[in-house]
C-alpha atoms as a PDB file:
ATOM      1  CA  MET A   1       0.140  -0.058  -0.187  1.00  0.00           C
ATOM      2  CA  THR A   2       1.185   3.733  -0.226  1.00  0.00           C
ATOM      3  CA  THR A   3       0.278   6.855   1.497  1.00  0.00           C
ATOM      4  CA  ALA A   4       0.414  10.430   1.175  1.00  0.00           C
ATOM      5  CA  ARG A   5       1.320  12.593   4.028  1.00  0.00           C
ATOM      6  CA  ILE A   6       0.628  16.231   2.680  1.00  0.00           C
ATOM      7  CA  VAL A   7       1.895  18.670   5.037  1.00  0.00           C
ATOM      8  CA  ILE A   8       0.990  22.591   3.789  1.00  0.00           C
ATOM      9  CA  ALA A   9       3.245  25.343   5.114  1.00  0.00           C
ATOM     10  CA  ALA A  10       1.450  28.732   4.925  1.00  0.00           C
ATOM     11  CA  ALA A  11       0.930  29.204   1.274  1.00  0.00           C
ATOM     12  CA  ALA A  12       0.396  32.872   1.902  1.00  0.00           C
ATOM     13  CA  VAL A  13       1.813  34.855   4.850  1.00  0.00           C
ATOM     14  CA  LEU A  14      -0.113  34.217   8.077  1.00  0.00           C
ATOM     15  CA  ALA A  15      -0.063  37.913   9.751  1.00  0.00           C
ATOM     16  CA  ALA A  16      -1.432  39.317  12.777  1.00  0.00           C
ATOM     17  CA  CYS A  17      -0.471  42.012  15.494  1.00  0.00           C
ATOM     18  CA  GLU A  18       0.629  39.037  17.488  1.00  0.00           C
ATOM     19  CA  PRO A  19       4.404  37.725  18.125  1.00  0.00           C
ATOM     20  CA  PRO A  20       5.193  35.112  15.504  1.00  0.00           C
ATOM     21  CA  VAL A  21       5.326  31.376  16.925  1.00  0.00           C
ATOM     22  CA  GLN A  22       6.799  28.445  15.127  1.00  0.00           C
ATOM     23  CA  GLN A  23       4.244  27.247  12.371  1.00  0.00           C
ATOM     24  CA  PRO A  24       2.591  23.943  12.486  1.00  0.00           C
ATOM     25  CA  PRO A  25       1.809  21.923   9.367  1.00  0.00           C
ATOM     26  CA  LEU A  26      -1.498  23.405   8.316  1.00  0.00           C
ATOM     27  CA  TYR A  27      -3.290  20.128   7.819  1.00  0.00           C
ATOM     28  CA  ALA A  28      -2.310  16.827   6.777  1.00  0.00           C
ATOM     29  CA  SER A  29      -4.320  14.376   4.460  1.00  0.00           C
ATOM     30  CA  PRO A  30      -6.584  11.602   5.979  1.00  0.00           C
ATOM     31  CA  GLN A  31      -5.311   8.739   7.277  1.00  0.00           C
ATOM     32  CA  PRO A  32      -3.511   6.394   4.673  1.00  0.00           C
ATOM     33  CA  ARG A  33      -5.626   4.358   2.416  1.00  0.00           C
ATOM     34  CA  PRO A  34      -5.218   0.947   0.975  1.00  0.00           C
ATOM     35  CA  VAL A  35      -3.820   0.796  -2.456  1.00  0.00           C
ATOM     36  CA  VAL A  36      -5.733  -1.384  -5.029  1.00  0.00           C
ATOM     37  CA  ALA A  37      -3.790  -3.978  -6.823  1.00  0.00           C
ATOM     38  CA  ALA A  38      -2.412  -2.868  -9.837  1.00  0.00           C
ATOM     39  CA  ALA A  39      -4.650  -5.067 -12.186  1.00  0.00           C
ATOM     40  CA  ALA A  40      -7.669  -3.615 -10.563  1.00  0.00           C
ATOM     41  CA  ALA A  41      -6.701  -0.312 -10.567  1.00  0.00           C
ATOM     42  CA  ALA A  42      -7.712   2.716 -13.378  1.00  0.00           C
ATOM     43  CA  PRO A  43      -6.860   1.451 -17.074  1.00  0.00           C
ATOM     44  CA  ALA A  44      -3.298   2.661 -17.988  1.00  0.00           C
ATOM     45  CA  ASP A  45      -2.750   6.288 -19.312  1.00  0.00           C
ATOM     46  CA  ALA A  46       0.261   6.623 -21.527  1.00  0.00           C
ATOM     47  CA  ALA A  47      -0.163  10.303 -21.439  1.00  0.00           C
ATOM     48  CA  THR A  48       0.458  10.062 -17.629  1.00  0.00           C
ATOM     49  CA  TRP A  49       3.140   7.572 -17.051  1.00  0.00           C
ATOM     50  CA  GLY A  50       1.298   4.240 -16.118  1.00  0.00           C
ATOM     51  CA  THR A  51      -1.541   3.188 -14.268  1.00  0.00           C
ATOM     52  CA  LEU A  52      -2.982   5.197 -11.578  1.00  0.00           C
ATOM     53  CA  ILE A  53      -2.548   3.533  -7.946  1.00  0.00           C
ATOM     54  CA  ASP A  54      -3.196   6.608  -5.900  1.00  0.00           C
ATOM     55  CA  ALA A  55      -4.496  10.019  -6.204  1.00  0.00           C
ATOM     56  CA  ARG A  56      -5.066  13.200  -3.920  1.00  0.00           C
ATOM     57  CA  ASP A  57      -5.846  16.522  -3.658  1.00  0.00           C
ATOM     58  CA  ASP A  58      -4.635  19.098  -1.226  1.00  0.00           C
ATOM     59  CA  LEU A  59      -4.273  22.907  -0.963  1.00  0.00           C
ATOM     60  CA  VAL A  60      -7.732  23.067  -2.021  1.00  0.00           C
ATOM     61  CA  PHE A  61      -9.279  26.633  -2.056  1.00  0.00           C
ATOM     62  CA  ASP A  62     -11.820  28.695  -4.008  1.00  0.00           C
ATOM     63  CA  GLY A  63      -9.346  29.077  -7.431  1.00  0.00           C
ATOM     64  CA  GLY A  64      -7.717  25.703  -7.683  1.00  0.00           C
ATOM     65  CA  ARG A  65      -5.923  22.734  -5.955  1.00  0.00           C
ATOM     66  CA  LEU A  66      -2.599  20.675  -6.041  1.00  0.00           C
ATOM     67  CA  HIS A  67      -3.368  17.372  -7.405  1.00  0.00           C
ATOM     68  CA  PHE A  68      -1.150  14.376  -6.512  1.00  0.00           C
ATOM     69  CA  GLU A  69      -0.702  10.857  -8.421  1.00  0.00           C
ATOM     70  CA  LEU A  70       1.256   8.022  -8.278  1.00  0.00           C
ATOM     71  CA  ARG A  71       1.479   5.603 -11.009  1.00  0.00           C
ATOM     72  CA  GLN A  72       3.060   2.238 -11.744  1.00  0.00           C
ATOM     73  CA  ALA A  73       4.459   1.109 -15.434  1.00  0.00           C
ATOM     74  CA  GLY A  74       5.633  -2.675 -15.024  1.00  0.00           C
ATOM     75  CA  GLY A  75       8.470  -2.468 -11.695  1.00  0.00           C
ATOM     76  CA  ARG A  76       8.364   1.454 -12.173  1.00  0.00           C
ATOM     77  CA  VAL A  77       6.775   3.842  -9.866  1.00  0.00           C
ATOM     78  CA  ILE A  78       6.002   7.633 -10.668  1.00  0.00           C
ATOM     79  CA  GLN A  79       5.375  10.478  -8.357  1.00  0.00           C
ATOM     80  CA  THR A  80       3.579  13.200 -10.131  1.00  0.00           C
ATOM     81  CA  VAL A  81       2.041  16.898  -9.035  1.00  0.00           C
ATOM     82  CA  ARG A  82      -0.304  19.147 -10.823  1.00  0.00           C
ATOM     83  CA  ASN A  83      -1.058  22.944  -9.953  1.00  0.00           C
ATOM     84  CA  ASP A  84      -4.840  23.804 -11.149  1.00  0.00           C
ATOM     85  CA  TYR A  85      -4.268  27.457  -9.766  1.00  0.00           C
ATOM     86  CA  ALA A  86      -3.740  30.472 -12.203  1.00  0.00           C
ATOM     87  CA  VAL A  87      -0.663  31.226 -10.645  1.00  0.00           C
ATOM     88  CA  GLU A  88       2.835  29.540 -10.000  1.00  0.00           C
ATOM     89  CA  ILE A  89       3.225  27.463  -6.908  1.00  0.00           C
ATOM     90  CA  THR A  90       6.690  26.594  -5.453  1.00  0.00           C
ATOM     91  CA  LEU A  91       6.570  23.247  -3.730  1.00  0.00           C
ATOM     92  CA  ALA A  92       9.364  22.088  -0.839  1.00  0.00           C
ATOM     93  CA  TRP A  93       8.764  18.033  -0.931  1.00  0.00           C
ATOM     94  CA  SER A  94      10.449  14.875   0.286  1.00  0.00           C
ATOM     95  CA  VAL A  95       9.567  11.238   0.363  1.00  0.00           C
ATOM     96  CA  ARG A  96      10.526   9.063   3.285  1.00  0.00           C
ATOM     97  CA  ASP A  97       9.867   5.802   4.589  1.00  0.00           C
ATOM     98  CA  LEU A  98      10.119   3.659   1.709  1.00  0.00           C
ATOM     99  CA  ASP A  99       9.046   0.269   1.973  1.00  0.00           C
ATOM    100  CA  ASN A 100       9.587  -2.222  -0.996  1.00  0.00           C
ATOM    101  CA  LEU A 101      10.564   0.626  -3.107  1.00  0.00           C
ATOM    102  CA  ILE A 102      14.130   2.056  -4.416  1.00  0.00           C
ATOM    103  CA  ALA A 103      14.387   5.726  -5.242  1.00  0.00           C
ATOM    104  CA  ASP A 104      15.589   5.934  -8.580  1.00  0.00           C
ATOM    105  CA  ALA A 105      15.835   9.910  -8.420  1.00  0.00           C
ATOM    106  CA  PRO A 106      16.305  12.571  -5.434  1.00  0.00           C
ATOM    107  CA  GLN A 107      14.230  12.097  -2.454  1.00  0.00           C
ATOM    108  CA  VAL A 108      13.926  15.419  -1.428  1.00  0.00           C
ATOM    109  CA  GLY A 109      13.645  18.769  -3.794  1.00  0.00           C
ATOM    110  CA  ALA A 110      11.650  22.202  -4.496  1.00  0.00           C
ATOM    111  CA  ILE A 111      10.289  23.264  -7.542  1.00  0.00           C
ATOM    112  CA  THR A 112       8.286  25.872  -9.133  1.00  0.00           C
ATOM    113  CA  LEU A 113       5.007  24.643 -10.925  1.00  0.00           C
ATOM    114  CA  PRO A 114       3.557  26.394 -13.771  1.00  0.00           C
ATOM    115  CA  ALA A 115       0.307  27.910 -13.362  1.00  0.00           C
ATOM    116  CA  ALA A 116      -3.039  26.680 -15.103  1.00  0.00           C
ATOM    117  CA  LEU A 117      -4.107  28.801 -18.076  1.00  0.00           C
ATOM    118  CA  GLU A 118      -6.984  29.527 -15.978  1.00  0.00           C
ATOM    119  CA  ALA A 119      -8.420  29.124 -12.482  1.00  0.00           C
ATOM    120  CA  GLY A 120      -9.301  25.621 -11.641  1.00  0.00           C
ATOM    121  CA  ALA A 121      -8.221  24.208 -15.020  1.00  0.00           C
ATOM    122  CA  PRO A 122      -5.604  21.230 -15.070  1.00  0.00           C
ATOM    123  CA  GLY A 123      -2.317  22.747 -15.216  1.00  0.00           C
ATOM    124  CA  PRO A 124       0.776  20.946 -16.421  1.00  0.00           C
ATOM    125  CA  THR A 125       1.554  17.391 -15.021  1.00  0.00           C
ATOM    126  CA  VAL A 126       5.327  17.355 -13.343  1.00  0.00           C
ATOM    127  CA  VAL A 127       6.935  14.578 -12.221  1.00  0.00           C
ATOM    128  CA  LEU A 128       8.631  14.630  -8.873  1.00  0.00           C
ATOM    129  CA  THR A 129      10.441  11.306  -8.517  1.00  0.00           C
ATOM    130  CA  HIS A 130      10.374   7.724  -9.327  1.00  0.00           C
ATOM    131  CA  PHE A 131      10.925   4.491  -7.810  1.00  0.00           C
ATOM    132  CA  THR A 132      11.814   0.541  -8.515  1.00  0.00           C
ATOM    133  CA  VAL A 133       9.465  -1.775  -6.842  1.00  0.00           C
ATOM    134  CA  ILE A 134      11.864  -4.269  -5.367  1.00  0.00           C
ATOM    135  CA  ARG A 135       9.153  -7.396  -5.042  1.00  0.00           C
ATOM    136  CA  PRO A 136       6.562  -6.914  -7.652  1.00  0.00           C
ATOM    137  CA  ALA A 137       4.254  -9.306  -5.897  1.00  0.00           C
ATOM    138  CA  LEU A 138       4.151  -7.499  -2.537  1.00  0.00           C
ATOM    139  CA  ALA A 139       2.382  -4.162  -1.675  1.00  0.00           C
ATOM    140  CA  PHE A 140       4.830  -0.824  -1.461  1.00  0.00           C
ATOM    141  CA  TRP A 141       4.699   2.309   0.643  1.00  0.00           C
ATOM    142  CA  ARG A 142       6.034   5.837   0.642  1.00  0.00           C
ATOM    143  CA  VAL A 143       5.063   8.956   2.576  1.00  0.00           C
ATOM    144  CA  LEU A 144       5.247  12.610   0.692  1.00  0.00           C
ATOM    145  CA  ASP A 145       5.747  15.450   2.513  1.00  0.00           C
ATOM    146  CA  PHE A 146       5.420  19.053   1.014  1.00  0.00           C
ATOM    147  CA  ARG A 147       5.057  22.903   1.925  1.00  0.00           C
ATOM    148  CA  ALA A 148       3.839  25.294  -0.692  1.00  0.00           C
ATOM    149  CA  ARG A 149       4.063  28.871  -1.151  1.00  0.00           C
ATOM    150  CA  PHE A 150       2.073  30.754  -4.124  1.00  0.00           C
ATOM    151  CA  GLY A 151       3.830  32.331  -6.271  1.00  0.00           C
ATOM    152  CA  ASN A 152       7.388  32.336  -8.697  1.00  0.00           C
ATOM    153  CA  PRO A 153      10.784  33.122  -6.967  1.00  0.00           C
ATOM    154  CA  ALA A 154      11.637  35.273 -10.195  1.00  0.00           C
ATOM    155  CA  ALA A 155       8.995  37.848  -9.615  1.00  0.00           C
ATOM    156  CA  ARG A 156      10.029  41.185  -9.162  1.00  0.00           C
ATOM    157  CA  PRO A 157       7.962  44.408  -8.557  1.00  0.00           C
ATOM    158  CA  ALA A 158       7.727  47.219 -11.244  1.00  0.00           C
ATOM    159  CA  ARG A 159       7.595  50.356  -9.503  1.00  0.00           C
ATOM    160  CA  TYR A 160       4.115  51.440  -8.705  1.00  0.00           C
ATOM    161  CA  ALA A 161       1.943  53.657  -6.185  1.00  0.00           C
ATOM    162  CA  TYR A 162      -0.638  51.343  -4.521  1.00  0.00           C
ATOM    163  CA  ALA A 163      -4.199  52.577  -3.939  1.00  0.00           C
ATOM    164  CA  LEU A 164      -5.349  52.462  -0.183  1.00  0.00           C
ATOM    165  CA  PRO A 165      -7.586  49.700   0.208  1.00  0.00           C
ATOM    166  CA  PHE A 166     -10.574  51.609   1.337  1.00  0.00           C
ATOM    167  CA  GLY A 167     -13.265  53.904   0.280  1.00  0.00           C
ATOM    168  CA  VAL A 168     -12.613  57.619  -0.685  1.00  0.00           C
ATOM    169  CA  GLY A 169     -13.118  59.647   2.619  1.00  0.00           C
ATOM    170  CA  GLN A 170     -12.085  56.869   4.752  1.00  0.00           C
ATOM    171  CA  GLU A 171      -9.390  57.172   7.320  1.00  0.00           C
ATOM    172  CA  ARG A 172      -7.430  54.320   8.812  1.00  0.00           C
ATOM    173  CA  ARG A 173      -4.267  54.057  11.100  1.00  0.00           C
ATOM    174  CA  VAL A 174      -1.601  51.694  10.249  1.00  0.00           C
ATOM    175  CA  ILE A 175      -1.072  49.347  13.706  1.00  0.00           C
ATOM    176  CA  GLN A 176       1.910  47.597  12.166  1.00  0.00           C
ATOM    177  CA  GLY A 177       4.001  48.538   9.520  1.00  0.00           C
ATOM    178  CA  PHE A 178       7.297  47.468   7.815  1.00  0.00           C
ATOM    179  CA  GLY A 179       9.436  45.518  10.249  1.00  0.00           C
ATOM    180  CA  GLY A 180       6.639  45.563  13.044  1.00  0.00           C
ATOM    181  CA  ALA A 181       7.812  44.387  16.424  1.00  0.00           C
ATOM    182  CA  PHE A 182       4.917  42.218  16.762  1.00  0.00           C
ATOM    183  CA  SER A 183       5.152  39.883  13.513  1.00  0.00           C
ATOM    184  CA  HIS A 184       6.277  41.899  10.537  1.00  0.00           C
ATOM    185  CA  ARG A 185       9.553  39.794  10.301  1.00  0.00           C
ATOM    186  CA  GLY A 186      11.098  37.462   8.095  1.00  0.00           C
ATOM    187  CA  SER A 187       8.555  36.656   5.153  1.00  0.00           C
ATOM    188  CA  MET A 188       6.346  39.553   6.591  1.00  0.00           C
ATOM    189  CA  GLN A 189       9.002  42.193   6.309  1.00  0.00           C
ATOM    190  CA  TYR A 190       7.226  44.435   4.384  1.00  0.00           C
ATOM    191  CA  ALA A 191       3.436  43.649   5.312  1.00  0.00           C
ATOM    192  CA  VAL A 192       1.153  46.261   6.456  1.00  0.00           C
ATOM    193  CA  ASP A 193      -2.171  46.006   8.949  1.00  0.00           C
ATOM    194  CA  PHE A 194      -4.808  48.862   8.601  1.00  0.00           C
ATOM    195  CA  ASP A 195      -7.186  49.101  11.561  1.00  0.00           C
ATOM    196  CA  ALA A 196     -10.070  48.310  10.005  1.00  0.00           C
ATOM    197  CA  PRO A 197     -13.775  47.573  12.138  1.00  0.00           C
ATOM    198  CA  GLU A 198     -15.230  44.291  10.630  1.00  0.00           C
ATOM    199  CA  GLY A 199     -17.393  44.732   7.454  1.00  0.00           C
ATOM    200  CA  THR A 200     -15.093  47.716   6.301  1.00  0.00           C
ATOM    201  CA  PRO A 201     -15.308  47.640   2.392  1.00  0.00           C
ATOM    202  CA  ILE A 202     -11.702  46.543   0.993  1.00  0.00           C
ATOM    203  CA  LEU A 203     -10.785  47.758  -2.256  1.00  0.00           C
ATOM    204  CA  ALA A 204      -8.382  46.286  -4.767  1.00  0.00           C
ATOM    205  CA  ALA A 205      -4.959  48.262  -4.306  1.00  0.00           C
ATOM    206  CA  ARG A 206      -3.860  47.569  -7.773  1.00  0.00           C
ATOM    207  CA  ASP A 207      -5.179  45.956 -11.190  1.00  0.00           C
ATOM    208  CA  GLY A 208      -5.049  42.030 -11.371  1.00  0.00           C
ATOM    209  CA  LEU A 209      -6.016  38.517 -11.412  1.00  0.00           C
ATOM    210  CA  VAL A 210      -7.776  36.910  -8.711  1.00  0.00           C
ATOM    211  CA  VAL A 211      -6.061  33.629  -8.405  1.00  0.00           C
ATOM    212  CA  ALA A 212      -7.521  32.353  -4.914  1.00  0.00           C
ATOM    213  CA  THR A 213      -9.850  32.802  -2.379  1.00  0.00           C
ATOM    214  CA  HIS A 214     -11.301  31.671   0.943  1.00  0.00           C
ATOM    215  CA  ASP A 215     -14.001  32.764   3.186  1.00  0.00           C
ATOM    216  CA  GLY A 216     -15.500  29.994   5.200  1.00  0.00           C
ATOM    217  CA  ALA A 217     -13.364  30.489   8.196  1.00  0.00           C
ATOM    218  CA  ARG A 218     -14.933  31.639  11.158  1.00  0.00           C
ATOM    219  CA  GLY A 219     -13.197  32.482  14.696  1.00  0.00           C
ATOM    220  CA  HIS A 220      -9.808  33.920  15.491  1.00  0.00           C
ATOM    221  CA  GLY A 221      -7.211  33.990  17.901  1.00  0.00           C
ATOM    222  CA  GLY A 222      -3.538  34.443  19.004  1.00  0.00           C
ATOM    223  CA  THR A 223      -2.725  30.711  19.647  1.00  0.00           C
ATOM    224  CA  VAL A 224      -1.266  28.110  17.256  1.00  0.00           C
ATOM    225  CA  GLU A 225      -4.118  26.478  16.014  1.00  0.00           C
ATOM    226  CA  PHE A 226      -5.057  29.727  14.126  1.00  0.00           C
ATOM    227  CA  LEU A 227      -2.159  29.476  11.991  1.00  0.00           C
ATOM    228  CA  ASP A 228      -3.926  26.906  10.101  1.00  0.00           C
ATOM    229  CA  TYR A 229      -4.626  28.503   6.660  1.00  0.00           C
ATOM    230  CA  THR A 230      -8.092  27.120   6.467  1.00  0.00           C
ATOM    231  CA  ARG A 231      -8.956  29.253   9.432  1.00  0.00           C
ATOM    232  CA  MET A 232      -8.301  32.458   7.514  1.00  0.00           C
ATOM    233  CA  ASN A 233     -10.662  34.231   5.250  1.00  0.00           C
ATOM    234  CA  PHE A 234      -8.208  36.025   2.184  1.00  0.00           C
ATOM    235  CA  ILE A 235      -8.022  37.115  -1.490  1.00  0.00           C
ATOM    236  CA  LEU A 236      -4.707  36.613  -3.484  1.00  0.00           C
ATOM    237  CA  VAL A 237      -4.315  38.686  -6.549  1.00  0.00           C
ATOM    238  CA  ARG A 238      -1.466  38.236  -9.255  1.00  0.00           C
ATOM    239  CA  HIS A 239      -0.580  41.450 -10.618  1.00  0.00           C
ATOM    240  CA  ASP A 240       1.113  41.910 -14.290  1.00  0.00           C
ATOM    241  CA  ASP A 241       4.609  42.079 -13.016  1.00  0.00           C
ATOM    242  CA  GLY A 242       4.124  38.326 -11.191  1.00  0.00           C
ATOM    243  CA  THR A 243       3.637  39.471  -7.586  1.00  0.00           C
ATOM    244  CA  ILE A 244       0.848  38.898  -5.519  1.00  0.00           C
ATOM    245  CA  GLY A 245      -1.143  40.916  -3.602  1.00  0.00           C
ATOM    246  CA  GLU A 246      -2.183  39.366  -0.318  1.00  0.00           C
ATOM    247  CA  TYR A 247      -5.622  40.751   1.542  1.00  0.00           C
ATOM    248  CA  LEU A 248      -5.945  38.735   4.782  1.00  0.00           C
ATOM    249  CA  HIS A 249      -8.237  38.185   7.793  1.00  0.00           C
ATOM    250  CA  LEU A 250     -11.222  38.806   5.758  1.00  0.00           C
ATOM    251  CA  ALA A 251     -14.870  38.392   7.353  1.00  0.00           C
ATOM    252  CA  PRO A 252     -16.687  35.239   7.290  1.00  0.00           C
ATOM    253  CA  ALA A 253     -18.449  35.328   3.853  1.00  0.00           C
ATOM    254  CA  GLY A 254     -16.641  38.262   3.072  1.00  0.00           C
ATOM    255  CA  VAL A 255     -15.191  37.644   0.074  1.00  0.00           C
ATOM    256  CA  ARG A 256     -16.739  39.593  -3.048  1.00  0.00           C
ATOM    257  CA  ALA A 257     -14.086  38.502  -5.727  1.00  0.00           C
ATOM    258  CA  ARG A 258     -14.080  35.255  -7.257  1.00  0.00           C
ATOM    259  CA  ALA A 259     -10.891  33.112  -8.561  1.00  0.00           C
ATOM    260  CA  GLY A 260     -10.342  33.889 -11.990  1.00  0.00           C
ATOM    261  CA  GLN A 261     -11.893  37.407 -12.102  1.00  0.00           C
ATOM    262  CA  ARG A 262      -9.803  40.391 -13.243  1.00  0.00           C
ATOM    263  CA  VAL A 263     -10.050  43.042 -10.907  1.00  0.00           C
ATOM    264  CA  ARG A 264      -9.140  46.890 -11.387  1.00  0.00           C
ATOM    265  CA  ARG A 265      -7.794  49.371  -8.941  1.00  0.00           C
ATOM    266  CA  LEU A 266     -10.133  50.191  -6.397  1.00  0.00           C
ATOM    267  CA  ASP A 267     -12.765  47.477  -7.379  1.00  0.00           C
ATOM    268  CA  TYR A 268     -14.832  46.651  -4.009  1.00  0.00           C
ATOM    269  CA  ILE A 269     -13.319  43.035  -3.181  1.00  0.00           C
ATOM    270  CA  GLY A 270     -13.944  42.091   0.122  1.00  0.00           C
ATOM    271  CA  LEU A 271     -15.004  42.639   3.689  1.00  0.00           C
ATOM    272  CA  SER A 272     -12.539  43.399   6.687  1.00  0.00           C
ATOM    273  CA  GLY A 273     -12.868  40.644   9.484  1.00  0.00           C
ATOM    274  CA  ASN A 274     -10.890  39.410  12.319  1.00  0.00           C
ATOM    275  CA  THR A 275     -10.208  35.842  11.000  1.00  0.00           C
ATOM    276  CA  GLY A 276      -7.150  33.433  11.537  1.00  0.00           C
ATOM    277  CA  TYR A 277      -4.163  34.335  13.486  1.00  0.00           C
ATOM    278  CA  SER A 278      -5.769  37.427  14.629  1.00  0.00           C
ATOM    279  CA  THR A 279      -6.669  39.428  17.898  1.00  0.00           C
ATOM    280  CA  ARG A 280      -8.217  42.444  16.487  1.00  0.00           C
ATOM    281  CA  PRO A 281     -10.235  43.350  13.257  1.00  0.00           C
ATOM    282  CA  HIS A 282      -7.735  44.983  10.839  1.00  0.00           C
ATOM    283  CA  LEU A 283      -6.365  44.034   7.098  1.00  0.00           C
ATOM    284  CA  HIS A 284      -3.528  42.791   6.425  1.00  0.00           C
ATOM    285  CA  PHE A 285      -2.102  43.600   3.090  1.00  0.00           C
ATOM    286  CA  GLN A 286       1.237  42.647   1.363  1.00  0.00           C
ATOM    287  CA  VAL A 287       2.926  42.248  -1.797  1.00  0.00           C
ATOM    288  CA  MET A 288       4.825  39.194  -2.266  1.00  0.00           C
ATOM    289  CA  THR A 289       6.121  35.934  -4.069  1.00  0.00           C
ATOM    290  CA  ALA A 290       7.578  32.735  -3.368  1.00  0.00           C
ATOM    291  CA  ASP A 291      10.954  32.207  -2.165  1.00  0.00           C
ATOM    292  CA  ALA A 292      12.962  29.668  -4.163  1.00  0.00           C
ATOM    293  CA  ASN A 293      13.059  27.082  -1.317  1.00  0.00           C
ATOM    294  CA  GLY A 294       9.106  26.880  -1.000  1.00  0.00           C
ATOM    295  CA  VAL A 295       8.822  27.336   2.808  1.00  0.00           C
ATOM    296  CA  ASP A 296       9.582  31.294   3.200  1.00  0.00           C
ATOM    297  CA  ALA A 297       8.116  34.109   1.113  1.00  0.00           C
ATOM    298  CA  ILE A 298       9.674  37.279  -0.387  1.00  0.00           C
ATOM    299  CA  SER A 299       8.003  40.377   0.731  1.00  0.00           C
ATOM    300  CA  PHE A 300       8.293  44.017  -1.108  1.00  0.00           C
ATOM    301  CA  PRO A 301       8.514  47.455   0.148  1.00  0.00           C
ATOM    302  CA  ILE A 302       5.626  49.207  -1.367  1.00  0.00           C
ATOM    303  CA  GLU A 303       4.342  52.670  -1.668  1.00  0.00           C
ATOM    304  CA  PHE A 304       0.694  53.974  -1.150  1.00  0.00           C
ATOM    305  CA  GLU A 305      -0.564  56.683  -3.340  1.00  0.00           C
ATOM    306  CA  VAL A 306      -1.358  59.223  -0.286  1.00  0.00           C
ATOM    307  CA  ALA A 307      -2.331  62.107  -2.292  1.00  0.00           C
ATOM    308  CA  PRO A 308      -2.428  63.026  -5.892  1.00  0.00           C
ATOM    309  CA  GLY A 309       0.976  62.531  -7.250  1.00  0.00           C
ATOM    310  CA  VAL A 310       2.189  61.744  -4.033  1.00  0.00           C
ATOM    311  CA  ALA A 311       3.435  58.042  -3.333  1.00  0.00           C
ATOM    312  CA  ALA A 312       4.977  57.065   0.065  1.00  0.00           C
ATOM    313  CA  SER A 313       5.602  54.316   2.217  1.00  0.00           C
ATOM    314  CA  PRO A 314       3.234  53.369   5.103  1.00  0.00           C
ATOM    315  CA  VAL A 315       4.363  54.436   8.516  1.00  0.00           C
ATOM    316  CA  GLU A 316       3.323  52.715  11.849  1.00  0.00           C
ATOM    317  CA  GLY A 317       0.894  54.958  13.650  1.00  0.00           C
ATOM    318  CA  ARG A 318       0.009  57.134  10.887  1.00  0.00           C
ATOM    319  CA  GLN A 319      -3.367  57.847   9.612  1.00  0.00           C
ATOM    320  CA  TYR A 320      -4.174  57.868   6.060  1.00  0.00           C
ATOM    321  CA  ARG A 321      -7.193  59.317   4.317  1.00  0.00           C
ATOM    322  CA  ALA A 322      -8.195  57.722   0.898  1.00  0.00           C
ATOM    323  CA  TYR A 323      -9.000  60.371  -1.548  1.00  0.00           C
ATOM    324  CA  GLU A 324      -9.341  58.452  -4.778  1.00  0.00           C
ATOM    325  CA  ARG A 325     -12.417  57.379  -6.646  1.00  0.00           C
ATOM    326  CA  PRO A 326     -12.388  54.418  -8.836  1.00  0.00           C
ATOM    327  CA  TYR A 327     -11.255  55.860 -12.289  1.00  0.00           C
ATOM    328  CA  HIS A 328     -13.148  53.146 -14.612  1.00  0.00           C
ATOM    329  CA  ARG A 329     -16.671  54.074 -13.326  1.00  0.00           C
END
């Protein structure tokens, strides 16, 4: 038999106004399932390297999933993965606890998976590694672990003055800025937390493609279980330069944009909330991409257009009043 223990790290940066703690696996796949004998498995498919032995989906949110398959052709077993999000995903992976298998390729690695052509559509299938079955008449076993981040490590931001992500005339205070002492370090170095009462309309800070959303989370807290990505509501927008804008801690059922939608600057996309690793209502905004190691993120310093023709980096403790009206309406 075979199993896939799919362990997810924060694919998007989990931010809050709390000191960072060590992040646990976000969730693991169900208990191992027995693998049917090859003769009884799905018919062989030459396009996917053999008979399907096991298939699993993980990192499933609105907009896509990662799809893992184990396939067998004679004495050869191949581990594949497919990214069905319309944005690259960088994956750190390893296999372990081999039983009745010999690894014919590296058992650990990091790879950037190409994006699907549209949200939720099948992306290209990639071979992670392959094995030889030692005793073909007997069952075999392996464990697959992975951590993942949305984004392409090669992406770098074009110079841009972001819109303040709330409605014209609204004034919001930065409660944590770049390098904030509570949690904005490392992968969150250039994140910004805006004070925003729950239900505050959130607007897109820049044009882009919505690539993933989640709005089914309920509750919040500053303890380790709230680091689980499924416990937080979010919108991820891929910008034209390949970077990703993250809008985190949204209200339950507070997502107003859909995966695959092209949004424009100052479009209404959601409602602020207090979900996930958070202790007060706020909006966490960050521009980032994945690190090549598949575990960390790279965040980028940003500027907001705070007055006509005036761009400035956000300053912790300062109030900012939005002045822009959507130019496309």
